[in-house]
């Protein structure tokens, strides 16, 4: 069924599609935090990294499709998000990248493809830069790699609905359910100061990368996606028509098709 939720009405009311039963799930202790993760399916590994303020359950439309395509799928709650805890230190994309590496080590994954959405895409590209031997490719969706890449935020009913669902999920999942406002403030501070990749650093990335953006993205400049694709050697650019920052929830069939095409290309 070609499910759509363009206005995120279903997401606000019910959340994403529920995740299936996991092969295994649990926590990994790393750098002052307990990082929740779950594993589904079998085959070449792909790790899904969600956006800021969200959680791994936001990938409910993607996990079954990728399992059906013959992949081992790993989802992770970023530190301080969902079921994962945090310490008193600041958020940082490099810390989150180290958390992903800790999960990979715990699961015995020597290498995986990464699908990153928004903040998760920052984390994925940092992993590709610093640990290319562990990354077979990055599907980089709806993200910037320096401050010039963002648009001025203008709240809309759609972004309000997304924020509402994130708050409800946090209160239901987190070990600190009353701290959502703290999470919002601390993630906001991270986004204002990170990441700060230069063109020279981008040119040093040596893994396959797909830079993907919705035609109507509410947060990321279209010309920044062009810049990233031109700066990262061999990167491909894909623009998803008639959709914005929340494509995995709004148009999952369309989004999943792009992810599978990239994964098939890199093997």
C-alpha atoms as a PDB file:
ATOM      1  CA  UNK A   1       0.000   0.000   0.000  1.00  0.00           C
ATOM      2  CA  UNK A   2       1.364   3.434  -0.949  1.00  0.00           C
ATOM      3  CA  UNK A   3       0.893   4.997   2.494  1.00  0.00           C
ATOM      4  CA  UNK A   4       1.224   8.788   2.750  1.00  0.00           C
ATOM      5  CA  UNK A   5       1.038  11.178   5.698  1.00  0.00           C
ATOM      6  CA  UNK A   6       2.005  14.490   4.126  1.00  0.00           C
ATOM      7  CA  UNK A   7       0.640  16.637   6.977  1.00  0.00           C
ATOM      8  CA  UNK A   8       1.899  14.261   9.719  1.00  0.00           C
ATOM      9  CA  UNK A   9      -1.611  13.957  11.114  1.00  0.00           C
ATOM     10  CA  UNK A  10      -1.229  10.196  11.549  1.00  0.00           C
ATOM     11  CA  UNK A  11       2.260  10.575  13.005  1.00  0.00           C
ATOM     12  CA  UNK A  12       1.066  13.100  15.573  1.00  0.00           C
ATOM     13  CA  UNK A  13      -1.890  10.952  16.577  1.00  0.00           C
ATOM     14  CA  UNK A  14      -0.325   7.479  16.496  1.00  0.00           C
ATOM     15  CA  UNK A  15       3.416   7.704  15.827  1.00  0.00           C
ATOM     16  CA  UNK A  16       5.201   5.859  13.050  1.00  0.00           C
ATOM     17  CA  UNK A  17       4.366   2.257  12.190  1.00  0.00           C
ATOM     18  CA  UNK A  18       5.407   0.001  15.107  1.00  0.00           C
ATOM     19  CA  UNK A  19       8.770  -1.683  14.840  1.00  0.00           C
ATOM     20  CA  UNK A  20       8.602  -5.469  14.295  1.00  0.00           C
ATOM     21  CA  UNK A  21       9.870  -8.021  16.802  1.00  0.00           C
ATOM     22  CA  UNK A  22      13.638  -7.700  17.104  1.00  0.00           C
ATOM     23  CA  UNK A  23      16.198 -10.475  16.753  1.00  0.00           C
ATOM     24  CA  UNK A  24      17.947  -8.862  19.704  1.00  0.00           C
ATOM     25  CA  UNK A  25      17.808  -5.580  21.584  1.00  0.00           C
ATOM     26  CA  UNK A  26      19.460  -4.029  24.590  1.00  0.00           C
ATOM     27  CA  UNK A  27      21.853  -1.392  25.869  1.00  0.00           C
ATOM     28  CA  UNK A  28      25.535  -0.655  25.398  1.00  0.00           C
ATOM     29  CA  UNK A  29      27.450   1.372  27.993  1.00  0.00           C
ATOM     30  CA  UNK A  30      29.563   4.074  26.358  1.00  0.00           C
ATOM     31  CA  UNK A  31      31.014   7.422  27.434  1.00  0.00           C
ATOM     32  CA  UNK A  32      28.675   7.956  30.362  1.00  0.00           C
ATOM     33  CA  UNK A  33      25.497   6.802  28.594  1.00  0.00           C
ATOM     34  CA  UNK A  34      23.443   3.637  28.029  1.00  0.00           C
ATOM     35  CA  UNK A  35      22.707   3.396  24.310  1.00  0.00           C
ATOM     36  CA  UNK A  36      19.622   1.412  23.297  1.00  0.00           C
ATOM     37  CA  UNK A  37      19.684  -0.530  20.030  1.00  0.00           C
ATOM     38  CA  UNK A  38      17.770  -3.306  18.267  1.00  0.00           C
ATOM     39  CA  UNK A  39      18.565  -5.678  15.403  1.00  0.00           C
ATOM     40  CA  UNK A  40      16.216  -7.070  12.755  1.00  0.00           C
ATOM     41  CA  UNK A  41      16.591  -9.475   9.819  1.00  0.00           C
ATOM     42  CA  UNK A  42      19.709 -10.962   8.272  1.00  0.00           C
ATOM     43  CA  UNK A  43      22.119 -10.085   5.486  1.00  0.00           C
ATOM     44  CA  UNK A  44      24.426  -7.114   4.874  1.00  0.00           C
ATOM     45  CA  UNK A  45      24.137  -4.636   7.731  1.00  0.00           C
ATOM     46  CA  UNK A  46      22.545  -1.203   7.539  1.00  0.00           C
ATOM     47  CA  UNK A  47      22.276   1.132  10.544  1.00  0.00           C
ATOM     48  CA  UNK A  48      19.441   3.686  10.682  1.00  0.00           C
ATOM     49  CA  UNK A  49      20.191   6.917  12.589  1.00  0.00           C
ATOM     50  CA  UNK A  50      17.204   9.111  13.439  1.00  0.00           C
ATOM     51  CA  UNK A  51      16.942  12.888  13.635  1.00  0.00           C
ATOM     52  CA  UNK A  52      17.169  15.265  16.580  1.00  0.00           C
ATOM     53  CA  UNK A  53      14.475  14.917  19.283  1.00  0.00           C
ATOM     54  CA  UNK A  54      13.195  11.704  17.679  1.00  0.00           C
ATOM     55  CA  UNK A  55      13.891   8.045  18.387  1.00  0.00           C
ATOM     56  CA  UNK A  56      14.495   4.752  16.593  1.00  0.00           C
ATOM     57  CA  UNK A  57      10.762   4.127  16.347  1.00  0.00           C
ATOM     58  CA  UNK A  58      10.582   6.864  13.712  1.00  0.00           C
ATOM     59  CA  UNK A  59      11.986   4.231  11.300  1.00  0.00           C
ATOM     60  CA  UNK A  60       8.900   2.031  11.605  1.00  0.00           C
ATOM     61  CA  UNK A  61       8.128   2.334   7.881  1.00  0.00           C
ATOM     62  CA  UNK A  62      11.704   1.523   6.868  1.00  0.00           C
ATOM     63  CA  UNK A  63      12.722  -1.476   8.983  1.00  0.00           C
ATOM     64  CA  UNK A  64      10.298  -4.057   7.493  1.00  0.00           C
ATOM     65  CA  UNK A  65      11.052  -2.921   3.934  1.00  0.00           C
ATOM     66  CA  UNK A  66      14.800  -3.289   4.435  1.00  0.00           C
ATOM     67  CA  UNK A  67      14.458  -6.650   6.198  1.00  0.00           C
ATOM     68  CA  UNK A  68      12.353  -7.833   3.265  1.00  0.00           C
ATOM     69  CA  UNK A  69      15.143  -6.647   0.959  1.00  0.00           C
ATOM     70  CA  UNK A  70      17.572  -9.018   2.682  1.00  0.00           C
ATOM     71  CA  UNK A  71      19.317  -6.690   5.128  1.00  0.00           C
ATOM     72  CA  UNK A  72      20.310  -6.858   8.753  1.00  0.00           C
ATOM     73  CA  UNK A  73      18.830  -3.624  10.104  1.00  0.00           C
ATOM     74  CA  UNK A  74      20.126  -1.950  13.267  1.00  0.00           C
ATOM     75  CA  UNK A  75      18.299   0.954  14.868  1.00  0.00           C
ATOM     76  CA  UNK A  76      19.759   3.077  17.663  1.00  0.00           C
ATOM     77  CA  UNK A  77      18.288   5.650  20.031  1.00  0.00           C
ATOM     78  CA  UNK A  78      20.828   8.493  20.049  1.00  0.00           C
ATOM     79  CA  UNK A  79      22.185   9.416  23.472  1.00  0.00           C
ATOM     80  CA  UNK A  80      19.594  11.250  25.520  1.00  0.00           C
ATOM     81  CA  UNK A  81      16.847  10.312  23.042  1.00  0.00           C
ATOM     82  CA  UNK A  82      14.238   7.587  23.300  1.00  0.00           C
ATOM     83  CA  UNK A  83      15.376   4.837  25.688  1.00  0.00           C
ATOM     84  CA  UNK A  84      19.033   5.918  25.686  1.00  0.00           C
ATOM     85  CA  UNK A  85      20.414   7.869  28.611  1.00  0.00           C
ATOM     86  CA  UNK A  86      22.975  10.664  28.696  1.00  0.00           C
ATOM     87  CA  UNK A  87      25.473  12.189  31.084  1.00  0.00           C
ATOM     88  CA  UNK A  88      25.767  15.806  32.181  1.00  0.00           C
ATOM     89  CA  UNK A  89      28.127  16.651  29.321  1.00  0.00           C
ATOM     90  CA  UNK A  90      27.075  18.477  26.163  1.00  0.00           C
ATOM     91  CA  UNK A  91      25.719  16.763  23.092  1.00  0.00           C
ATOM     92  CA  UNK A  92      28.080  16.458  20.156  1.00  0.00           C
ATOM     93  CA  UNK A  93      27.949  14.675  16.829  1.00  0.00           C
ATOM     94  CA  UNK A  94      31.361  13.104  17.406  1.00  0.00           C
ATOM     95  CA  UNK A  95      30.155  11.672  20.723  1.00  0.00           C
ATOM     96  CA  UNK A  96      27.128  10.246  18.921  1.00  0.00           C
ATOM     97  CA  UNK A  97      29.392   8.762  16.257  1.00  0.00           C
ATOM     98  CA  UNK A  98      31.409   7.053  18.990  1.00  0.00           C
ATOM     99  CA  UNK A  99      28.143   5.664  20.410  1.00  0.00           C
ATOM    100  CA  UNK A 100      27.334   4.081  17.041  1.00  0.00           C
ATOM    101  CA  UNK A 101      30.811   2.579  16.887  1.00  0.00           C
ATOM    102  CA  UNK A 102      30.313   1.124  20.391  1.00  0.00           C
ATOM    103  CA  UNK A 103      27.072  -0.540  19.255  1.00  0.00           C
ATOM    104  CA  UNK A 104      28.809  -1.939  16.169  1.00  0.00           C
ATOM    105  CA  UNK A 105      31.624  -3.343  18.313  1.00  0.00           C
ATOM    106  CA  UNK A 106      29.120  -4.872  20.742  1.00  0.00           C
ATOM    107  CA  UNK A 107      27.262  -6.561  17.873  1.00  0.00           C
ATOM    108  CA  UNK A 108      30.457  -7.681  16.137  1.00  0.00           C
ATOM    109  CA  UNK A 109      29.735  -5.623  13.018  1.00  0.00           C
ATOM    110  CA  UNK A 110      32.994  -4.892  11.252  1.00  0.00           C
ATOM    111  CA  UNK A 111      31.289  -2.785   8.585  1.00  0.00           C
ATOM    112  CA  UNK A 112      27.842  -1.368   7.827  1.00  0.00           C
ATOM    113  CA  UNK A 113      26.007   1.020   5.549  1.00  0.00           C
ATOM    114  CA  UNK A 114      24.559   4.057   7.316  1.00  0.00           C
ATOM    115  CA  UNK A 115      21.238   5.758   6.637  1.00  0.00           C
ATOM    116  CA  UNK A 116      21.183   9.086   8.466  1.00  0.00           C
ATOM    117  CA  UNK A 117      18.280  11.507   8.735  1.00  0.00           C
ATOM    118  CA  UNK A 118      18.951  15.095   9.837  1.00  0.00           C
ATOM    119  CA  UNK A 119      21.130  14.879  12.997  1.00  0.00           C
ATOM    120  CA  UNK A 120      21.632  11.198  12.228  1.00  0.00           C
ATOM    121  CA  UNK A 121      23.107  12.133   8.863  1.00  0.00           C
ATOM    122  CA  UNK A 122      25.708  14.365  10.551  1.00  0.00           C
ATOM    123  CA  UNK A 123      26.636  11.429  12.761  1.00  0.00           C
ATOM    124  CA  UNK A 124      26.842   9.094   9.772  1.00  0.00           C
ATOM    125  CA  UNK A 125      29.127  11.329   7.731  1.00  0.00           C
ATOM    126  CA  UNK A 126      31.442  11.910  10.705  1.00  0.00           C
ATOM    127  CA  UNK A 127      31.713   8.135  11.082  1.00  0.00           C
ATOM    128  CA  UNK A 128      32.545   7.820   7.384  1.00  0.00           C
ATOM    129  CA  UNK A 129      35.209  10.495   7.721  1.00  0.00           C
ATOM    130  CA  UNK A 130      36.858   9.171  10.892  1.00  0.00           C
ATOM    131  CA  UNK A 131      36.287   5.414  10.501  1.00  0.00           C
ATOM    132  CA  UNK A 132      35.969   4.734   6.751  1.00  0.00           C
ATOM    133  CA  UNK A 133      37.025   1.129   7.227  1.00  0.00           C
ATOM    134  CA  UNK A 134      33.799   0.550   9.206  1.00  0.00           C
ATOM    135  CA  UNK A 135      31.416   2.272   6.754  1.00  0.00           C
ATOM    136  CA  UNK A 136      30.388   0.826   3.385  1.00  0.00           C
ATOM    137  CA  UNK A 137      28.393   3.928   2.413  1.00  0.00           C
ATOM    138  CA  UNK A 138      26.269   6.814   3.717  1.00  0.00           C
ATOM    139  CA  UNK A 139      22.732   7.731   2.684  1.00  0.00           C
ATOM    140  CA  UNK A 140      22.810  11.351   3.859  1.00  0.00           C
ATOM    141  CA  UNK A 141      19.262  12.704   4.102  1.00  0.00           C
ATOM    142  CA  UNK A 142      18.088  16.233   4.974  1.00  0.00           C
ATOM    143  CA  UNK A 143      21.155  17.587   6.711  1.00  0.00           C
ATOM    144  CA  UNK A 144      23.833  20.265   6.704  1.00  0.00           C
ATOM    145  CA  UNK A 145      27.557  19.950   7.418  1.00  0.00           C
ATOM    146  CA  UNK A 146      28.221  23.619   8.265  1.00  0.00           C
ATOM    147  CA  UNK A 147      26.035  26.449   9.634  1.00  0.00           C
ATOM    148  CA  UNK A 148      25.515  28.041   6.214  1.00  0.00           C
ATOM    149  CA  UNK A 149      23.379  25.077   5.150  1.00  0.00           C
ATOM    150  CA  UNK A 150      20.327  25.805   7.273  1.00  0.00           C
ATOM    151  CA  UNK A 151      17.231  27.874   6.620  1.00  0.00           C
ATOM    152  CA  UNK A 152      15.713  30.201   9.208  1.00  0.00           C
ATOM    153  CA  UNK A 153      13.280  28.075  11.210  1.00  0.00           C
ATOM    154  CA  UNK A 154       9.649  29.051  10.760  1.00  0.00           C
ATOM    155  CA  UNK A 155       7.170  26.979  12.787  1.00  0.00           C
ATOM    156  CA  UNK A 156       4.222  25.557  10.881  1.00  0.00           C
ATOM    157  CA  UNK A 157       1.329  23.287  11.867  1.00  0.00           C
ATOM    158  CA  UNK A 158       3.310  20.405  10.349  1.00  0.00           C
ATOM    159  CA  UNK A 159       6.456  21.039  12.420  1.00  0.00           C
ATOM    160  CA  UNK A 160       4.269  21.573  15.499  1.00  0.00           C
ATOM    161  CA  UNK A 161       2.703  18.134  14.972  1.00  0.00           C
ATOM    162  CA  UNK A 162       6.132  16.527  14.623  1.00  0.00           C
ATOM    163  CA  UNK A 163       7.350  18.244  17.790  1.00  0.00           C
ATOM    164  CA  UNK A 164       4.191  17.152  19.630  1.00  0.00           C
ATOM    165  CA  UNK A 165       4.788  13.501  18.755  1.00  0.00           C
ATOM    166  CA  UNK A 166       8.458  13.690  19.733  1.00  0.00           C
ATOM    167  CA  UNK A 167       7.446  15.064  23.140  1.00  0.00           C
ATOM    168  CA  UNK A 168       4.860  12.313  23.694  1.00  0.00           C
ATOM    169  CA  UNK A 169       7.321   9.603  22.681  1.00  0.00           C
ATOM    170  CA  UNK A 170      10.054  11.013  24.909  1.00  0.00           C
ATOM    171  CA  UNK A 171       7.724  11.097  27.909  1.00  0.00           C
ATOM    172  CA  UNK A 172       6.712   7.476  27.243  1.00  0.00           C
ATOM    173  CA  UNK A 173      10.225   6.065  26.639  1.00  0.00           C
ATOM    174  CA  UNK A 174      12.811   8.085  28.512  1.00  0.00           C
ATOM    175  CA  UNK A 175      14.287   7.274  31.906  1.00  0.00           C
ATOM    176  CA  UNK A 176      13.932  11.026  32.572  1.00  0.00           C
ATOM    177  CA  UNK A 177      10.449  11.691  31.136  1.00  0.00           C
ATOM    178  CA  UNK A 178      10.170  15.206  32.561  1.00  0.00           C
ATOM    179  CA  UNK A 179      13.347  16.453  30.841  1.00  0.00           C
ATOM    180  CA  UNK A 180      12.139  16.980  27.271  1.00  0.00           C
ATOM    181  CA  UNK A 181      12.581  20.748  27.465  1.00  0.00           C
ATOM    182  CA  UNK A 182      16.184  20.208  28.579  1.00  0.00           C
ATOM    183  CA  UNK A 183      16.760  17.881  25.629  1.00  0.00           C
ATOM    184  CA  UNK A 184      15.338  20.484  23.239  1.00  0.00           C
ATOM    185  CA  UNK A 185      17.592  23.204  24.617  1.00  0.00           C
ATOM    186  CA  UNK A 186      20.733  21.073  24.645  1.00  0.00           C
ATOM    187  CA  UNK A 187      20.208  19.648  21.151  1.00  0.00           C
ATOM    188  CA  UNK A 188      19.508  23.197  19.951  1.00  0.00           C
ATOM    189  CA  UNK A 189      22.856  24.350  21.310  1.00  0.00           C
ATOM    190  CA  UNK A 190      24.619  21.526  19.483  1.00  0.00           C
ATOM    191  CA  UNK A 191      22.892  22.401  16.217  1.00  0.00           C
ATOM    192  CA  UNK A 192      23.926  26.050  16.525  1.00  0.00           C
ATOM    193  CA  UNK A 193      27.620  25.212  16.824  1.00  0.00           C
ATOM    194  CA  UNK A 194      28.037  21.917  14.938  1.00  0.00           C
ATOM    195  CA  UNK A 195      28.962  20.510  12.514  1.00  0.00           C
ATOM    196  CA  UNK A 196      31.608  22.736  10.930  1.00  0.00           C
ATOM    197  CA  UNK A 197      33.067  20.699   8.085  1.00  0.00           C
ATOM    198  CA  UNK A 198      35.128  22.584   5.536  1.00  0.00           C
ATOM    199  CA  UNK A 199      35.146  21.864   1.814  1.00  0.00           C
ATOM    200  CA  UNK A 200      38.613  20.375   2.278  1.00  0.00           C
ATOM    201  CA  UNK A 201      37.355  17.951   4.913  1.00  0.00           C
ATOM    202  CA  UNK A 202      34.452  16.956   2.684  1.00  0.00           C
ATOM    203  CA  UNK A 203      36.877  16.262  -0.151  1.00  0.00           C
ATOM    204  CA  UNK A 204      38.666  13.809   2.136  1.00  0.00           C
ATOM    205  CA  UNK A 205      35.649  11.498   2.492  1.00  0.00           C
ATOM    206  CA  UNK A 206      36.286   8.292   0.581  1.00  0.00           C
ATOM    207  CA  UNK A 207      33.180   6.167   1.022  1.00  0.00           C
ATOM    208  CA  UNK A 208      30.149   6.130  -1.312  1.00  0.00           C
ATOM    209  CA  UNK A 209      27.686   8.879  -0.366  1.00  0.00           C
ATOM    210  CA  UNK A 210      24.202   9.766  -1.577  1.00  0.00           C
ATOM    211  CA  UNK A 211      23.177  13.315  -0.656  1.00  0.00           C
ATOM    212  CA  UNK A 212      19.376  13.284  -0.563  1.00  0.00           C
ATOM    213  CA  UNK A 213      16.967  16.129   0.152  1.00  0.00           C
ATOM    214  CA  UNK A 214      13.267  16.746  -0.202  1.00  0.00           C
ATOM    215  CA  UNK A 215      12.298  19.367  -2.740  1.00  0.00           C
ATOM    216  CA  UNK A 216      10.373  21.197   0.011  1.00  0.00           C
ATOM    217  CA  UNK A 217      12.742  20.689   2.953  1.00  0.00           C
ATOM    218  CA  UNK A 218      11.814  23.074   5.764  1.00  0.00           C
ATOM    219  CA  UNK A 219      15.263  23.230   7.388  1.00  0.00           C
ATOM    220  CA  UNK A 220      18.039  22.678   4.822  1.00  0.00           C
ATOM    221  CA  UNK A 221      19.032  24.863   1.881  1.00  0.00           C
ATOM    222  CA  UNK A 222      18.788  23.192  -1.526  1.00  0.00           C
ATOM    223  CA  UNK A 223      22.020  24.788  -2.658  1.00  0.00           C
ATOM    224  CA  UNK A 224      23.772  23.308   0.378  1.00  0.00           C
ATOM    225  CA  UNK A 225      22.820  19.824  -0.788  1.00  0.00           C
ATOM    226  CA  UNK A 226      24.279  20.709  -4.193  1.00  0.00           C
ATOM    227  CA  UNK A 227      27.475  21.908  -2.495  1.00  0.00           C
ATOM    228  CA  UNK A 228      27.821  18.714  -0.479  1.00  0.00           C
ATOM    229  CA  UNK A 229      27.329  16.507  -3.513  1.00  0.00           C
ATOM    230  CA  UNK A 230      29.924  18.505  -5.449  1.00  0.00           C
ATOM    231  CA  UNK A 231      32.424  18.527  -2.560  1.00  0.00           C
ATOM    232  CA  UNK A 232      32.325  14.841  -1.554  1.00  0.00           C
ATOM    233  CA  UNK A 233      34.197  12.766  -4.159  1.00  0.00           C
ATOM    234  CA  UNK A 234      31.850  10.593  -6.186  1.00  0.00           C
ATOM    235  CA  UNK A 235      28.745  11.622  -4.246  1.00  0.00           C
ATOM    236  CA  UNK A 236      25.403  11.456  -5.981  1.00  0.00           C
ATOM    237  CA  UNK A 237      22.574  13.925  -5.450  1.00  0.00           C
ATOM    238  CA  UNK A 238      18.900  12.985  -5.294  1.00  0.00           C
ATOM    239  CA  UNK A 239      16.038  15.450  -4.824  1.00  0.00           C
ATOM    240  CA  UNK A 240      12.743  13.894  -3.744  1.00  0.00           C
ATOM    241  CA  UNK A 241       9.874  15.734  -5.463  1.00  0.00           C
ATOM    242  CA  UNK A 242       6.930  17.287  -3.603  1.00  0.00           C
ATOM    243  CA  UNK A 243       8.191  16.329  -0.135  1.00  0.00           C
ATOM    244  CA  UNK A 244      10.107  17.889   2.737  1.00  0.00           C
ATOM    245  CA  UNK A 245      12.234  17.098   5.781  1.00  0.00           C
ATOM    246  CA  UNK A 246      10.005  14.295   7.043  1.00  0.00           C
ATOM    247  CA  UNK A 247       9.907  12.091   3.937  1.00  0.00           C
ATOM    248  CA  UNK A 248      10.523   8.782   5.821  1.00  0.00           C
ATOM    249  CA  UNK A 249       7.216   9.407   7.600  1.00  0.00           C
ATOM    250  CA  UNK A 250       5.318  11.301   4.908  1.00  0.00           C
ATOM    251  CA  UNK A 251       6.150   9.260   1.792  1.00  0.00           C
ATOM    252  CA  UNK A 252       7.830   6.057   3.009  1.00  0.00           C
ATOM    253  CA  UNK A 253       7.444   4.118  -0.236  1.00  0.00           C
ATOM    254  CA  UNK A 254       9.193   6.860  -2.194  1.00  0.00           C
ATOM    255  CA  UNK A 255      11.886   7.254   0.467  1.00  0.00           C
ATOM    256  CA  UNK A 256      12.476   3.510   0.816  1.00  0.00           C
ATOM    257  CA  UNK A 257      12.907   3.173  -2.933  1.00  0.00           C
ATOM    258  CA  UNK A 258      15.797   5.654  -2.839  1.00  0.00           C
ATOM    259  CA  UNK A 259      17.413   3.931   0.136  1.00  0.00           C
ATOM    260  CA  UNK A 260      17.207   0.504  -1.507  1.00  0.00           C
ATOM    261  CA  UNK A 261      18.594   1.848  -4.760  1.00  0.00           C
ATOM    262  CA  UNK A 262      21.627   3.232  -2.917  1.00  0.00           C
ATOM    263  CA  UNK A 263      22.168   0.070  -0.871  1.00  0.00           C
ATOM    264  CA  UNK A 264      21.926  -2.085  -3.993  1.00  0.00           C
ATOM    265  CA  UNK A 265      24.519   0.121  -5.671  1.00  0.00           C
ATOM    266  CA  UNK A 266      27.087  -0.175  -2.883  1.00  0.00           C
ATOM    267  CA  UNK A 267      26.441  -3.899  -2.314  1.00  0.00           C
END
